[in-house]
Each structure stands twice: as structure tokens, then as C-alpha cells.
Amino acid sequence: MNLFAQGQTAAQAQQASPYSMLIMFGLIAIIFYFFLIRPQKKKQRDHQLMVNNIKTGTRILTIGGIFGTVTRILDDRFEIEVDKNTRLQVSKSSVSSVIDIEKDSQKK
């Protein structure tokens, strides 16, 4: 059957409903939220909680791969001791993880 024979023009036959486009954009936004934004926020919140719980004497690993023990806590950074009389100051955001001393000593 020909669409023109039924009284519809070519533009009317190809036009999609504006509601279906709105629903499609909404679904894409929901997918982005649950697969990209939400996990990243959770990861960021967990890292901030870990950094806030670091105390003096805690053993840490930085993003650069430096192991050290926290000797002093400043506003935006930690001072860590990496060897006897060798201290570095690293930003709080550069802390990758906290090293559990008990698990670390059991591996040896």
C-alpha cells in the first residue's frame, strides 16, 4: 500500500512522537547516572572517608607507589616517614590506600 494513497504525506509518515524522544533521553540519562555518575561518587566518598580516618602512625601507600608511615597531619597534606630521618609531605588526595600492618607482617 502506498502511504500517499491513504492521505498521509511523507513528512507525517516519518515524524516521530516528541514524547518518545523525551522518554529516550530520559532513559539515557538514567543509564548514565547508574553506570557512571553514582559509582564514581561512591568511590570518591569512600576515599574521602579513608583519608579522614588516617591517624598518626598509620602506614599508607601513595598513588606514586611510595610506602610510608604518617608522622604528622596537616590541613591539606600528610608528612610521612619513608626511611629513618627521611620524611616527605604528600597531599591527602595522593593517598592510594591504607596498609594493614597485621596483614603485611603475615605475608613475610
N, C-alpha and C. Protein backbone atom coordinates (compact mmCIF):
# COMPACT_ATOMS: atom_id res chain seq x y z
N MET A 1 0.83 -1.19 0.00
CA MET A 1 0.00 0.00 0.00
C MET A 1 0.87 1.23 0.00
N ASN A 2 0.42 2.21 -0.64
CA ASN A 2 1.12 3.47 -0.73
C ASN A 2 0.61 4.41 0.37
N LEU A 3 1.54 5.04 1.09
CA LEU A 3 1.13 5.97 2.15
C LEU A 3 0.42 7.19 1.60
N PHE A 4 0.82 7.61 0.42
CA PHE A 4 0.18 8.78 -0.17
C PHE A 4 -1.26 8.49 -0.54
N ALA A 5 -1.54 7.23 -0.83
CA ALA A 5 -2.90 6.85 -1.20
C ALA A 5 -3.83 6.92 0.01
N GLN A 6 -3.26 6.79 1.22
CA GLN A 6 -4.07 6.83 2.43
C GLN A 6 -4.27 8.26 2.94
N GLY A 7 -3.68 9.23 2.29
CA GLY A 7 -3.89 10.62 2.68
C GLY A 7 -2.80 11.17 3.59
N GLN A 8 -1.68 10.47 3.79
CA GLN A 8 -0.59 10.96 4.61
C GLN A 8 0.52 11.45 3.71
N THR A 9 1.17 12.50 4.13
CA THR A 9 2.32 12.98 3.38
C THR A 9 3.56 12.26 3.90
N ALA A 10 4.68 12.39 3.19
CA ALA A 10 5.93 11.74 3.57
C ALA A 10 6.44 12.29 4.90
N ALA A 11 6.26 13.57 5.17
CA ALA A 11 6.72 14.18 6.42
C ALA A 11 5.94 13.64 7.61
N GLN A 12 4.66 13.42 7.44
CA GLN A 12 3.85 12.88 8.53
C GLN A 12 4.19 11.44 8.82
N ALA A 13 4.54 10.69 7.80
CA ALA A 13 4.86 9.28 7.98
C ALA A 13 6.18 9.09 8.71
N GLN A 14 7.14 10.01 8.54
CA GLN A 14 8.46 9.86 9.15
C GLN A 14 8.59 10.57 10.48
N GLN A 15 7.66 11.39 10.84
CA GLN A 15 7.76 12.18 12.07
C GLN A 15 7.51 11.29 13.29
N ALA A 16 8.45 11.36 14.25
CA ALA A 16 8.33 10.59 15.49
C ALA A 16 7.62 11.45 16.54
N SER A 17 7.03 10.79 17.48
CA SER A 17 6.34 11.48 18.55
C SER A 17 7.35 12.20 19.43
N PRO A 18 7.08 13.44 19.82
CA PRO A 18 8.02 14.15 20.70
C PRO A 18 8.13 13.48 22.07
N TYR A 19 7.10 12.78 22.49
CA TYR A 19 7.15 12.10 23.77
C TYR A 19 8.11 10.91 23.74
N SER A 20 8.17 10.24 22.62
CA SER A 20 9.09 9.11 22.54
C SER A 20 10.55 9.57 22.59
N MET A 21 10.84 10.73 22.01
CA MET A 21 12.20 11.28 22.08
C MET A 21 12.52 11.70 23.52
N LEU A 22 11.55 12.27 24.20
CA LEU A 22 11.75 12.68 25.59
C LEU A 22 11.99 11.46 26.48
N ILE A 23 11.24 10.40 26.25
CA ILE A 23 11.44 9.17 27.02
C ILE A 23 12.81 8.58 26.74
N MET A 24 13.26 8.62 25.48
CA MET A 24 14.57 8.09 25.12
C MET A 24 15.69 8.86 25.82
N PHE A 25 15.61 10.19 25.83
CA PHE A 25 16.61 10.99 26.52
C PHE A 25 16.59 10.72 28.03
N GLY A 26 15.41 10.54 28.57
CA GLY A 26 15.30 10.22 30.00
C GLY A 26 15.95 8.89 30.33
N LEU A 27 15.74 7.89 29.50
CA LEU A 27 16.37 6.58 29.72
C LEU A 27 17.88 6.66 29.62
N ILE A 28 18.38 7.43 28.68
CA ILE A 28 19.83 7.59 28.54
C ILE A 28 20.40 8.28 29.78
N ALA A 29 19.70 9.29 30.29
CA ALA A 29 20.17 9.99 31.50
C ALA A 29 20.19 9.05 32.69
N ILE A 30 19.18 8.20 32.82
CA ILE A 30 19.13 7.25 33.93
C ILE A 30 20.28 6.24 33.83
N ILE A 31 20.54 5.77 32.62
CA ILE A 31 21.65 4.82 32.41
C ILE A 31 22.98 5.47 32.78
N PHE A 32 23.21 6.71 32.33
CA PHE A 32 24.44 7.41 32.68
C PHE A 32 24.58 7.56 34.19
N TYR A 33 23.48 7.89 34.86
CA TYR A 33 23.53 8.08 36.31
C TYR A 33 23.93 6.80 37.02
N PHE A 34 23.28 5.68 36.70
CA PHE A 34 23.51 4.45 37.44
C PHE A 34 24.82 3.75 37.06
N PHE A 35 25.32 3.95 35.85
CA PHE A 35 26.53 3.25 35.44
C PHE A 35 27.78 4.11 35.50
N LEU A 36 27.67 5.42 35.53
CA LEU A 36 28.85 6.27 35.53
C LEU A 36 28.93 7.20 36.74
N ILE A 37 27.90 7.97 36.97
CA ILE A 37 27.96 9.02 37.99
C ILE A 37 27.89 8.45 39.40
N ARG A 38 26.93 7.57 39.66
CA ARG A 38 26.74 7.02 41.00
C ARG A 38 27.95 6.22 41.51
N PRO A 39 28.53 5.31 40.71
CA PRO A 39 29.71 4.59 41.20
C PRO A 39 30.91 5.51 41.47
N GLN A 40 31.08 6.55 40.64
CA GLN A 40 32.19 7.48 40.84
C GLN A 40 32.01 8.27 42.13
N LYS A 41 30.78 8.69 42.42
CA LYS A 41 30.53 9.41 43.67
C LYS A 41 30.77 8.52 44.89
N LYS A 42 30.39 7.25 44.79
CA LYS A 42 30.61 6.31 45.89
C LYS A 42 32.10 6.09 46.12
N LYS A 43 32.84 5.94 45.05
CA LYS A 43 34.29 5.76 45.15
C LYS A 43 34.94 7.00 45.78
N GLN A 44 34.51 8.17 45.36
CA GLN A 44 35.04 9.41 45.91
C GLN A 44 34.70 9.56 47.40
N ARG A 45 33.49 9.19 47.77
CA ARG A 45 33.06 9.27 49.18
C ARG A 45 33.86 8.29 50.04
N ASP A 46 34.08 7.06 49.53
CA ASP A 46 34.87 6.07 50.27
C ASP A 46 36.31 6.53 50.45
N HIS A 47 36.90 7.15 49.42
CA HIS A 47 38.28 7.65 49.52
C HIS A 47 38.37 8.77 50.55
N GLN A 48 37.39 9.68 50.53
CA GLN A 48 37.39 10.78 51.50
C GLN A 48 37.25 10.25 52.92
N LEU A 49 36.43 9.23 53.13
CA LEU A 49 36.27 8.63 54.44
C LEU A 49 37.57 7.97 54.90
N MET A 50 38.25 7.28 53.97
CA MET A 50 39.53 6.64 54.29
C MET A 50 40.57 7.69 54.70
N VAL A 51 40.65 8.79 53.94
CA VAL A 51 41.63 9.84 54.24
C VAL A 51 41.32 10.50 55.58
N ASN A 52 40.05 10.71 55.88
CA ASN A 52 39.68 11.34 57.15
C ASN A 52 39.97 10.45 58.36
N ASN A 53 40.03 9.14 58.17
CA ASN A 53 40.29 8.21 59.27
C ASN A 53 41.77 7.91 59.48
N ILE A 54 42.65 8.50 58.70
CA ILE A 54 44.09 8.26 58.85
C ILE A 54 44.58 9.02 60.08
N LYS A 55 45.27 8.30 60.93
CA LYS A 55 45.84 8.88 62.16
C LYS A 55 47.37 8.81 62.08
N THR A 56 48.03 9.45 63.02
CA THR A 56 49.47 9.37 63.11
C THR A 56 49.88 7.93 63.40
N GLY A 57 50.90 7.45 62.67
CA GLY A 57 51.35 6.08 62.84
C GLY A 57 50.75 5.11 61.84
N THR A 58 49.80 5.59 61.03
CA THR A 58 49.18 4.74 60.02
C THR A 58 50.13 4.57 58.84
N ARG A 59 50.22 3.37 58.34
CA ARG A 59 51.07 3.08 57.18
C ARG A 59 50.21 3.24 55.92
N ILE A 60 50.71 4.02 54.95
CA ILE A 60 49.94 4.31 53.74
C ILE A 60 50.76 4.03 52.48
N LEU A 61 50.06 3.96 51.37
CA LEU A 61 50.65 3.83 50.04
C LEU A 61 50.13 4.99 49.22
N THR A 62 51.04 5.72 48.56
CA THR A 62 50.61 6.84 47.73
C THR A 62 50.35 6.37 46.30
N ILE A 63 49.74 7.22 45.52
CA ILE A 63 49.47 6.90 44.12
C ILE A 63 50.77 6.67 43.36
N GLY A 64 51.83 7.34 43.75
CA GLY A 64 53.13 7.18 43.11
C GLY A 64 53.87 5.92 43.52
N GLY A 65 53.31 5.14 44.44
CA GLY A 65 53.93 3.88 44.84
C GLY A 65 54.88 4.02 46.02
N ILE A 66 54.78 5.09 46.77
CA ILE A 66 55.66 5.31 47.92
C ILE A 66 54.95 4.82 49.18
N PHE A 67 55.63 3.93 49.92
CA PHE A 67 55.13 3.46 51.20
C PHE A 67 55.68 4.37 52.28
N GLY A 68 54.89 4.67 53.28
CA GLY A 68 55.36 5.49 54.37
C GLY A 68 54.44 5.42 55.57
N THR A 69 54.94 5.93 56.69
CA THR A 69 54.18 5.98 57.93
C THR A 69 53.87 7.44 58.23
N VAL A 70 52.63 7.74 58.51
CA VAL A 70 52.22 9.13 58.77
C VAL A 70 52.82 9.58 60.10
N THR A 71 53.56 10.69 60.06
CA THR A 71 54.15 11.23 61.28
C THR A 71 53.46 12.52 61.73
N ARG A 72 52.86 13.22 60.77
CA ARG A 72 52.20 14.48 61.11
C ARG A 72 51.07 14.73 60.11
N ILE A 73 49.96 15.23 60.62
CA ILE A 73 48.80 15.53 59.78
C ILE A 73 48.64 17.04 59.70
N LEU A 74 48.67 17.57 58.49
CA LEU A 74 48.48 18.99 58.25
C LEU A 74 47.11 19.20 57.61
N ASP A 75 46.77 20.44 57.30
CA ASP A 75 45.44 20.74 56.75
C ASP A 75 45.16 20.00 55.44
N ASP A 76 46.06 20.12 54.49
CA ASP A 76 45.82 19.56 53.16
C ASP A 76 46.81 18.47 52.76
N ARG A 77 47.68 18.06 53.69
CA ARG A 77 48.70 17.06 53.36
C ARG A 77 49.12 16.29 54.60
N PHE A 78 49.82 15.18 54.33
CA PHE A 78 50.41 14.37 55.38
C PHE A 78 51.91 14.45 55.28
N GLU A 79 52.57 14.36 56.41
CA GLU A 79 54.02 14.17 56.42
C GLU A 79 54.25 12.70 56.72
N ILE A 80 54.96 12.02 55.83
CA ILE A 80 55.19 10.59 56.01
C ILE A 80 56.69 10.33 56.13
N GLU A 81 57.01 9.30 56.89
CA GLU A 81 58.39 8.88 57.04
C GLU A 81 58.57 7.62 56.18
N VAL A 82 59.48 7.72 55.20
CA VAL A 82 59.70 6.59 54.30
C VAL A 82 60.92 5.77 54.70
N ASP A 83 61.83 6.36 55.44
CA ASP A 83 63.02 5.69 55.96
C ASP A 83 63.47 6.47 57.19
N LYS A 84 64.47 5.98 57.90
CA LYS A 84 64.94 6.73 59.06
C LYS A 84 65.41 8.11 58.62
N ASN A 85 64.86 9.13 59.27
CA ASN A 85 65.19 10.54 59.01
C ASN A 85 64.91 10.97 57.57
N THR A 86 64.05 10.30 56.87
CA THR A 86 63.63 10.71 55.53
C THR A 86 62.12 10.91 55.56
N ARG A 87 61.73 12.16 55.45
CA ARG A 87 60.30 12.49 55.52
C ARG A 87 59.88 13.22 54.26
N LEU A 88 58.68 12.92 53.84
CA LEU A 88 58.08 13.56 52.67
C LEU A 88 56.73 14.13 53.05
N GLN A 89 56.33 15.18 52.35
CA GLN A 89 54.98 15.69 52.52
C GLN A 89 54.21 15.37 51.25
N VAL A 90 53.08 14.70 51.41
CA VAL A 90 52.24 14.32 50.28
C VAL A 90 50.84 14.87 50.49
N SER A 91 50.19 15.21 49.40
CA SER A 91 48.82 15.73 49.52
C SER A 91 47.88 14.60 49.93
N LYS A 92 46.81 14.97 50.59
CA LYS A 92 45.85 13.97 51.05
C LYS A 92 45.20 13.24 49.89
N SER A 93 45.04 13.91 48.77
CA SER A 93 44.41 13.27 47.61
C SER A 93 45.32 12.25 46.94
N SER A 94 46.62 12.28 47.25
CA SER A 94 47.55 11.33 46.62
C SER A 94 47.67 10.01 47.39
N VAL A 95 46.92 9.86 48.47
CA VAL A 95 46.95 8.61 49.22
C VAL A 95 46.10 7.59 48.47
N SER A 96 46.72 6.48 48.13
CA SER A 96 46.02 5.43 47.39
C SER A 96 45.31 4.47 48.33
N SER A 97 46.00 4.02 49.36
CA SER A 97 45.37 3.07 50.28
C SER A 97 46.10 3.08 51.62
N VAL A 98 45.42 2.52 52.60
CA VAL A 98 45.98 2.33 53.93
C VAL A 98 46.47 0.89 54.00
N ILE A 99 47.70 0.70 54.46
CA ILE A 99 48.28 -0.63 54.56
C ILE A 99 48.00 -1.19 55.94
N ASP A 100 47.38 -2.36 55.98
CA ASP A 100 47.11 -3.03 57.24
C ASP A 100 48.41 -3.70 57.69
N ILE A 101 48.96 -3.25 58.80
CA ILE A 101 50.26 -3.74 59.28
C ILE A 101 50.20 -5.22 59.62
N GLU A 102 49.09 -5.69 60.17
CA GLU A 102 48.98 -7.10 60.56
C GLU A 102 49.02 -8.01 59.34
N LYS A 103 48.28 -7.65 58.28
CA LYS A 103 48.29 -8.46 57.06
C LYS A 103 49.64 -8.39 56.36
N ASP A 104 50.26 -7.21 56.42
CA ASP A 104 51.56 -7.02 55.78
C ASP A 104 52.65 -7.86 56.45
N SER A 105 52.59 -7.97 57.80
CA SER A 105 53.60 -8.75 58.52
C SER A 105 53.36 -10.26 58.36
N GLN A 106 52.12 -10.67 58.12
CA GLN A 106 51.83 -12.10 57.93
C GLN A 106 52.35 -12.62 56.60
N LYS A 107 52.48 -11.76 55.60
CA LYS A 107 52.97 -12.17 54.29
C LYS A 107 54.46 -12.52 54.32
N LYS A 108 55.20 -11.99 55.27
CA LYS A 108 56.65 -12.21 55.33
C LYS A 108 57.00 -13.55 55.83
